[in-house]
């Protein structure tokens, strides 16, 4: 998986490409842990994310909990396959998703 970031002031967008699974989620965990200080608006761009597994869902949950304390988080450009996983797991009910 490839992770790219764009930051403008307190706004951070993280672009994910590839698969977010047990192998790649630790890299995203580390990236999030070191990048959210002072961020009030976090956006995940999933336009190039092709797959998400339970480890990736856990990473999103941790990010969501942290951002609820300091601002907001949303996910944009979600593919049908990834959206199906979010629906089946119930994550779609508490994450902000915009396509």
C-alpha atoms as a PDB file:
ATOM      1  CA  UNK A   1       0.000   0.000   0.000  1.00  0.00           C
ATOM      2  CA  UNK A   2       1.146   3.516  -0.738  1.00  0.00           C
ATOM      3  CA  UNK A   3       0.382   6.393   1.646  1.00  0.00           C
ATOM      4  CA  UNK A   4       0.555  10.026   0.548  1.00  0.00           C
ATOM      5  CA  UNK A   5      -0.270  13.078   2.658  1.00  0.00           C
ATOM      6  CA  UNK A   6      -1.234  16.648   1.912  1.00  0.00           C
ATOM      7  CA  UNK A   7      -1.459  19.112   4.772  1.00  0.00           C
ATOM      8  CA  UNK A   8      -2.695  22.672   4.738  1.00  0.00           C
ATOM      9  CA  UNK A   9      -2.762  24.224   8.178  1.00  0.00           C
ATOM     10  CA  UNK A  10      -4.931  22.055  10.399  1.00  0.00           C
ATOM     11  CA  UNK A  11      -6.366  20.107   7.424  1.00  0.00           C
ATOM     12  CA  UNK A  12      -4.769  16.771   6.548  1.00  0.00           C
ATOM     13  CA  UNK A  13      -5.689  14.516   3.637  1.00  0.00           C
ATOM     14  CA  UNK A  14      -4.279  10.996   3.523  1.00  0.00           C
ATOM     15  CA  UNK A  15      -4.400   9.245   0.153  1.00  0.00           C
ATOM     16  CA  UNK A  16      -4.309   5.442   0.235  1.00  0.00           C
ATOM     17  CA  UNK A  17      -3.473   3.246  -2.741  1.00  0.00           C
ATOM     18  CA  UNK A  18      -3.644  -0.549  -2.816  1.00  0.00           C
ATOM     19  CA  UNK A  19      -4.771  -2.828  -0.001  1.00  0.00           C
ATOM     20  CA  UNK A  20      -5.351  -1.913   3.646  1.00  0.00           C
ATOM     21  CA  UNK A  21      -4.966  -5.206   5.486  1.00  0.00           C
ATOM     22  CA  UNK A  22      -3.025  -6.867   8.314  1.00  0.00           C
ATOM     23  CA  UNK A  23       0.248  -6.368   6.450  1.00  0.00           C
ATOM     24  CA  UNK A  24      -0.195  -2.675   5.632  1.00  0.00           C
ATOM     25  CA  UNK A  25      -2.345  -1.367   8.507  1.00  0.00           C
ATOM     26  CA  UNK A  26       0.629  -1.000  10.912  1.00  0.00           C
ATOM     27  CA  UNK A  27       2.242   1.463   8.480  1.00  0.00           C
ATOM     28  CA  UNK A  28      -0.936   3.539   8.420  1.00  0.00           C
ATOM     29  CA  UNK A  29      -1.226   3.327  12.225  1.00  0.00           C
ATOM     30  CA  UNK A  30       2.292   4.723  12.531  1.00  0.00           C
ATOM     31  CA  UNK A  31       1.627   7.448   9.962  1.00  0.00           C
ATOM     32  CA  UNK A  32      -1.574   8.522  11.709  1.00  0.00           C
ATOM     33  CA  UNK A  33       0.065   8.476  15.128  1.00  0.00           C
ATOM     34  CA  UNK A  34       2.773  10.857  14.015  1.00  0.00           C
ATOM     35  CA  UNK A  35       0.620  13.131  11.844  1.00  0.00           C
ATOM     36  CA  UNK A  36      -2.481  14.165  13.795  1.00  0.00           C
ATOM     37  CA  UNK A  37      -1.045  16.682  16.251  1.00  0.00           C
ATOM     38  CA  UNK A  38      -2.784  19.975  15.525  1.00  0.00           C
ATOM     39  CA  UNK A  39      -5.050  18.456  12.867  1.00  0.00           C
ATOM     40  CA  UNK A  40      -8.733  19.371  13.201  1.00  0.00           C
ATOM     41  CA  UNK A  41      -9.942  18.082   9.826  1.00  0.00           C
ATOM     42  CA  UNK A  42      -8.788  14.646   8.651  1.00  0.00           C
ATOM     43  CA  UNK A  43      -9.787  13.286   5.246  1.00  0.00           C
ATOM     44  CA  UNK A  44      -8.998   9.829   3.934  1.00  0.00           C
ATOM     45  CA  UNK A  45      -9.088   9.650   0.136  1.00  0.00           C
ATOM     46  CA  UNK A  46      -9.908   6.071  -0.880  1.00  0.00           C
ATOM     47  CA  UNK A  47     -10.044   6.685  -4.660  1.00  0.00           C
ATOM     48  CA  UNK A  48      -7.178   4.203  -5.185  1.00  0.00           C
ATOM     49  CA  UNK A  49      -7.898   1.854  -2.271  1.00  0.00           C
ATOM     50  CA  UNK A  50      -8.989  -1.501  -3.695  1.00  0.00           C
ATOM     51  CA  UNK A  51      -9.447  -3.576  -0.527  1.00  0.00           C
ATOM     52  CA  UNK A  52      -9.905  -3.147   3.214  1.00  0.00           C
ATOM     53  CA  UNK A  53      -9.698  -5.900   5.844  1.00  0.00           C
ATOM     54  CA  UNK A  54     -10.468  -5.959   9.560  1.00  0.00           C
ATOM     55  CA  UNK A  55      -7.037  -4.582  10.480  1.00  0.00           C
ATOM     56  CA  UNK A  56      -7.737  -1.583   8.265  1.00  0.00           C
ATOM     57  CA  UNK A  57     -11.147  -1.117   9.845  1.00  0.00           C
ATOM     58  CA  UNK A  58      -9.503  -1.068  13.270  1.00  0.00           C
ATOM     59  CA  UNK A  59      -7.126   1.644  12.072  1.00  0.00           C
ATOM     60  CA  UNK A  60     -10.087   3.742  10.903  1.00  0.00           C
ATOM     61  CA  UNK A  61     -11.814   3.216  14.250  1.00  0.00           C
ATOM     62  CA  UNK A  62      -8.754   4.401  16.188  1.00  0.00           C
ATOM     63  CA  UNK A  63      -8.422   7.461  13.937  1.00  0.00           C
ATOM     64  CA  UNK A  64     -12.133   8.236  14.316  1.00  0.00           C
ATOM     65  CA  UNK A  65     -11.910   8.071  18.127  1.00  0.00           C
ATOM     66  CA  UNK A  66      -8.936  10.419  18.170  1.00  0.00           C
ATOM     67  CA  UNK A  67     -10.479  12.876  15.719  1.00  0.00           C
ATOM     68  CA  UNK A  68     -13.741  13.041  17.694  1.00  0.00           C
ATOM     69  CA  UNK A  69     -11.670  14.617  20.477  1.00  0.00           C
ATOM     70  CA  UNK A  70      -9.899  17.156  18.270  1.00  0.00           C
ATOM     71  CA  UNK A  71     -12.023  17.748  15.180  1.00  0.00           C
ATOM     72  CA  UNK A  72     -13.617  15.771  12.372  1.00  0.00           C
ATOM     73  CA  UNK A  73     -12.827  12.909  10.031  1.00  0.00           C
ATOM     74  CA  UNK A  74     -14.349  11.848   6.745  1.00  0.00           C
ATOM     75  CA  UNK A  75     -13.645   9.352   3.991  1.00  0.00           C
ATOM     76  CA  UNK A  76     -14.051  10.327   0.341  1.00  0.00           C
ATOM     77  CA  UNK A  77     -14.053   8.544  -3.034  1.00  0.00           C
ATOM     78  CA  UNK A  78     -14.881   5.068  -1.739  1.00  0.00           C
ATOM     79  CA  UNK A  79     -15.077   2.272  -4.325  1.00  0.00           C
ATOM     80  CA  UNK A  80     -18.059  -0.061  -4.434  1.00  0.00           C
ATOM     81  CA  UNK A  81     -16.026  -3.003  -3.077  1.00  0.00           C
ATOM     82  CA  UNK A  82     -14.665  -1.043  -0.116  1.00  0.00           C
ATOM     83  CA  UNK A  83     -18.090   0.513   0.512  1.00  0.00           C
ATOM     84  CA  UNK A  84     -19.617  -2.981   0.588  1.00  0.00           C
ATOM     85  CA  UNK A  85     -17.193  -3.960   3.374  1.00  0.00           C
ATOM     86  CA  UNK A  86     -18.028  -0.789   5.315  1.00  0.00           C
ATOM     87  CA  UNK A  87     -21.747  -1.562   4.960  1.00  0.00           C
ATOM     88  CA  UNK A  88     -21.448  -5.239   5.940  1.00  0.00           C
ATOM     89  CA  UNK A  89     -19.440  -4.413   9.059  1.00  0.00           C
ATOM     90  CA  UNK A  90     -21.677  -1.526  10.145  1.00  0.00           C
ATOM     91  CA  UNK A  91     -18.845   0.990   9.884  1.00  0.00           C
ATOM     92  CA  UNK A  92     -20.890   2.984   7.396  1.00  0.00           C
ATOM     93  CA  UNK A  93     -23.240   3.889  10.261  1.00  0.00           C
ATOM     94  CA  UNK A  94     -20.675   5.872  12.268  1.00  0.00           C
ATOM     95  CA  UNK A  95     -18.087   7.001   9.717  1.00  0.00           C
ATOM     96  CA  UNK A  96     -18.667  10.078   7.581  1.00  0.00           C
ATOM     97  CA  UNK A  97     -18.404   8.916   3.969  1.00  0.00           C
ATOM     98  CA  UNK A  98     -18.720  11.151   0.921  1.00  0.00           C
ATOM     99  CA  UNK A  99     -18.408   9.930  -2.643  1.00  0.00           C
END
